[in-house]
Structures are given as C-alpha cells and as structure tokens.
C-alpha cells in the first residue's frame, strides 16, 4: 500500500520508483527493484510492474530476505557500491544476471 500511495509518479508502474525511493529512506529494509535486472532475475512478465506490483514486490522481498538469511550480506557493506545489505543483494543479483543468465551481455 505504501508504494502504491507514495504519489511520486503518475503512471501504472509504481513498483520501480516506489521501491527505489523507499530504499533510500529505509536502505536496510527495502531492496531497490528495477525492470531490467530484478525483472530478469525474478522472471517478471513485461506487464507485471504495471499490473502485478503487489505480487512481484512480495515475491522479490521474500526471495531476497531468504537469500539475506543464508548469506548475511551485511558482511559485504563497504563505502563503495555495497552501501547496505539490500544494495549488496541488488549488486549480487545484477552480477548473477550478467554472468549466468545472459552470458555477460547486458540486455537492451
């Protein structure tokens, strides 16, 4: 409901800007999500960010929470790219997509 009602964008796809805004406010709790990498990793359909944002946020949040419990990303926090546990998970997700899902070539 919070992402749905933030009022920061005037379009149907609120999950990406909403999760990124909340990530800046609550970096240890809310992972930043995007269509390109999060969408690829979680196998979102192209219309999911517009029509299924609650479902995909829950799937992503629960999935990343399970990974966080298993790997303890807080040990990776640094003063460079891994500024929080959720950002470390996001960076790992991107790296996995680039190396394992698309053979090192970023999608258009």
C-alpha atoms as a PDB file:
ATOM      1  CA  UNK A   1       0.000   0.000   0.000  1.00  0.00           C
ATOM      2  CA  UNK A   2       2.839   2.393   0.794  1.00  0.00           C
ATOM      3  CA  UNK A   3       4.437   2.032  -2.633  1.00  0.00           C
ATOM      4  CA  UNK A   4       1.014   2.281  -4.293  1.00  0.00           C
ATOM      5  CA  UNK A   5       0.233   5.543  -2.496  1.00  0.00           C
ATOM      6  CA  UNK A   6       3.589   7.346  -2.416  1.00  0.00           C
ATOM      7  CA  UNK A   7       2.420   9.676  -5.166  1.00  0.00           C
ATOM      8  CA  UNK A   8       5.865  10.156  -6.696  1.00  0.00           C
ATOM      9  CA  UNK A   9       4.903   9.043 -10.217  1.00  0.00           C
ATOM     10  CA  UNK A  10       1.797   9.398 -12.300  1.00  0.00           C
ATOM     11  CA  UNK A  11       1.696   6.076 -14.123  1.00  0.00           C
ATOM     12  CA  UNK A  12       0.656   2.467 -13.581  1.00  0.00           C
ATOM     13  CA  UNK A  13       4.138   1.143 -12.827  1.00  0.00           C
ATOM     14  CA  UNK A  14       4.860   2.269  -9.281  1.00  0.00           C
ATOM     15  CA  UNK A  15       6.996  -0.636  -8.093  1.00  0.00           C
ATOM     16  CA  UNK A  16      10.302   0.583  -9.547  1.00  0.00           C
ATOM     17  CA  UNK A  17      10.220   4.241  -8.433  1.00  0.00           C
ATOM     18  CA  UNK A  18       8.485   3.300  -5.186  1.00  0.00           C
ATOM     19  CA  UNK A  19      10.987   0.625  -4.191  1.00  0.00           C
ATOM     20  CA  UNK A  20      13.918   2.883  -5.082  1.00  0.00           C
ATOM     21  CA  UNK A  21      12.511   5.798  -3.067  1.00  0.00           C
ATOM     22  CA  UNK A  22      11.845   3.555  -0.068  1.00  0.00           C
ATOM     23  CA  UNK A  23      15.308   2.021  -0.439  1.00  0.00           C
ATOM     24  CA  UNK A  24      16.811   5.491   0.084  1.00  0.00           C
ATOM     25  CA  UNK A  25      14.643   6.046   3.160  1.00  0.00           C
ATOM     26  CA  UNK A  26      14.940   2.504   4.567  1.00  0.00           C
ATOM     27  CA  UNK A  27      18.099   1.065   2.977  1.00  0.00           C
ATOM     28  CA  UNK A  28      18.395  -1.843   5.393  1.00  0.00           C
ATOM     29  CA  UNK A  29      14.838  -2.981   4.763  1.00  0.00           C
ATOM     30  CA  UNK A  30      13.658  -2.225   1.224  1.00  0.00           C
ATOM     31  CA  UNK A  31      15.605  -3.543  -1.770  1.00  0.00           C
ATOM     32  CA  UNK A  32      15.728  -1.381  -4.901  1.00  0.00           C
ATOM     33  CA  UNK A  33      13.894  -3.118  -7.737  1.00  0.00           C
ATOM     34  CA  UNK A  34      14.044  -2.458 -11.456  1.00  0.00           C
ATOM     35  CA  UNK A  35      12.607  -3.949 -14.607  1.00  0.00           C
ATOM     36  CA  UNK A  36      15.923  -4.851 -16.178  1.00  0.00           C
ATOM     37  CA  UNK A  37      17.753  -6.873 -13.535  1.00  0.00           C
ATOM     38  CA  UNK A  38      15.125  -7.630 -10.904  1.00  0.00           C
ATOM     39  CA  UNK A  39      12.692  -8.417 -13.681  1.00  0.00           C
ATOM     40  CA  UNK A  40      15.150 -10.772 -15.351  1.00  0.00           C
ATOM     41  CA  UNK A  41      16.141 -12.468 -12.098  1.00  0.00           C
ATOM     42  CA  UNK A  42      12.574 -12.987 -10.858  1.00  0.00           C
ATOM     43  CA  UNK A  43      11.271 -13.698 -14.374  1.00  0.00           C
ATOM     44  CA  UNK A  44       8.701 -10.933 -14.419  1.00  0.00           C
ATOM     45  CA  UNK A  45       6.441 -10.642 -17.415  1.00  0.00           C
ATOM     46  CA  UNK A  46       6.661  -7.253 -19.185  1.00  0.00           C
ATOM     47  CA  UNK A  47       3.319  -6.091 -17.754  1.00  0.00           C
ATOM     48  CA  UNK A  48       3.951  -7.293 -14.180  1.00  0.00           C
ATOM     49  CA  UNK A  49       5.308  -3.932 -12.934  1.00  0.00           C
ATOM     50  CA  UNK A  50       2.062  -2.268 -14.061  1.00  0.00           C
ATOM     51  CA  UNK A  51      -0.496  -4.922 -13.212  1.00  0.00           C
ATOM     52  CA  UNK A  52       1.013  -7.162 -10.534  1.00  0.00           C
ATOM     53  CA  UNK A  53       3.179  -4.837  -8.477  1.00  0.00           C
ATOM     54  CA  UNK A  54       1.978  -6.172  -5.126  1.00  0.00           C
ATOM     55  CA  UNK A  55       2.676  -9.783  -6.112  1.00  0.00           C
ATOM     56  CA  UNK A  56       6.109  -9.069  -7.579  1.00  0.00           C
ATOM     57  CA  UNK A  57       7.148  -6.914  -4.617  1.00  0.00           C
ATOM     58  CA  UNK A  58       6.191  -9.690  -2.201  1.00  0.00           C
ATOM     59  CA  UNK A  59       7.991 -12.316  -4.297  1.00  0.00           C
ATOM     60  CA  UNK A  60      11.125 -10.164  -4.542  1.00  0.00           C
ATOM     61  CA  UNK A  61      11.084  -9.126  -0.878  1.00  0.00           C
ATOM     62  CA  UNK A  62      10.582 -12.687   0.382  1.00  0.00           C
ATOM     63  CA  UNK A  63      13.110 -14.130  -2.086  1.00  0.00           C
ATOM     64  CA  UNK A  64      15.782 -11.583  -1.197  1.00  0.00           C
ATOM     65  CA  UNK A  65      15.061 -11.986   2.529  1.00  0.00           C
ATOM     66  CA  UNK A  66      15.676 -15.735   2.198  1.00  0.00           C
ATOM     67  CA  UNK A  67      18.969 -15.087   0.413  1.00  0.00           C
ATOM     68  CA  UNK A  68      19.929 -12.499   3.062  1.00  0.00           C
ATOM     69  CA  UNK A  69      19.333 -15.010   5.861  1.00  0.00           C
ATOM     70  CA  UNK A  70      21.514 -17.555   4.068  1.00  0.00           C
ATOM     71  CA  UNK A  71      24.458 -15.348   3.081  1.00  0.00           C
ATOM     72  CA  UNK A  72      24.463 -12.471   5.611  1.00  0.00           C
ATOM     73  CA  UNK A  73      25.040  -9.596   3.139  1.00  0.00           C
ATOM     74  CA  UNK A  74      25.731  -7.160   5.986  1.00  0.00           C
ATOM     75  CA  UNK A  75      29.296  -8.541   5.977  1.00  0.00           C
ATOM     76  CA  UNK A  76      29.725  -7.044   2.490  1.00  0.00           C
ATOM     77  CA  UNK A  77      28.820  -3.441   3.348  1.00  0.00           C
ATOM     78  CA  UNK A  78      31.551  -1.029   2.294  1.00  0.00           C
ATOM     79  CA  UNK A  79      31.986   2.628   1.417  1.00  0.00           C
ATOM     80  CA  UNK A  80      31.701   1.986  -2.311  1.00  0.00           C
ATOM     81  CA  UNK A  81      28.888   0.083  -4.056  1.00  0.00           C
ATOM     82  CA  UNK A  82      27.583  -2.050  -1.189  1.00  0.00           C
ATOM     83  CA  UNK A  83      26.184   0.734   0.966  1.00  0.00           C
ATOM     84  CA  UNK A  84      23.600  -1.507   2.676  1.00  0.00           C
ATOM     85  CA  UNK A  85      22.635  -5.158   2.890  1.00  0.00           C
ATOM     86  CA  UNK A  86      19.849  -4.670   0.364  1.00  0.00           C
ATOM     87  CA  UNK A  87      22.164  -2.889  -2.072  1.00  0.00           C
ATOM     88  CA  UNK A  88      24.721  -5.705  -1.713  1.00  0.00           C
ATOM     89  CA  UNK A  89      21.962  -8.164  -2.610  1.00  0.00           C
ATOM     90  CA  UNK A  90      20.940  -5.985  -5.562  1.00  0.00           C
ATOM     91  CA  UNK A  91      24.546  -5.858  -6.788  1.00  0.00           C
ATOM     92  CA  UNK A  92      24.847  -9.636  -6.454  1.00  0.00           C
ATOM     93  CA  UNK A  93      21.570 -10.082  -8.346  1.00  0.00           C
ATOM     94  CA  UNK A  94      22.875  -7.898 -11.178  1.00  0.00           C
ATOM     95  CA  UNK A  95      26.175  -9.768 -11.285  1.00  0.00           C
ATOM     96  CA  UNK A  96      24.380 -13.106 -11.377  1.00  0.00           C
ATOM     97  CA  UNK A  97      22.128 -11.958 -14.219  1.00  0.00           C
ATOM     98  CA  UNK A  98      25.075 -10.629 -16.219  1.00  0.00           C
ATOM     99  CA  UNK A  99      27.234 -13.721 -15.815  1.00  0.00           C
ATOM    100  CA  UNK A 100      24.787 -16.585 -15.525  1.00  0.00           C
ATOM    101  CA  UNK A 101      21.572 -15.603 -17.264  1.00  0.00           C
ATOM    102  CA  UNK A 102      22.708 -13.575 -20.251  1.00  0.00           C
ATOM    103  CA  UNK A 103      26.287 -14.693 -20.725  1.00  0.00           C
ATOM    104  CA  UNK A 104      27.916 -11.438 -19.704  1.00  0.00           C
ATOM    105  CA  UNK A 105      25.980  -9.260 -22.185  1.00  0.00           C
ATOM    106  CA  UNK A 106      23.556  -6.731 -20.743  1.00  0.00           C
ATOM    107  CA  UNK A 107      20.065  -6.835 -22.284  1.00  0.00           C
ATOM    108  CA  UNK A 108      18.858  -3.820 -24.291  1.00  0.00           C
END
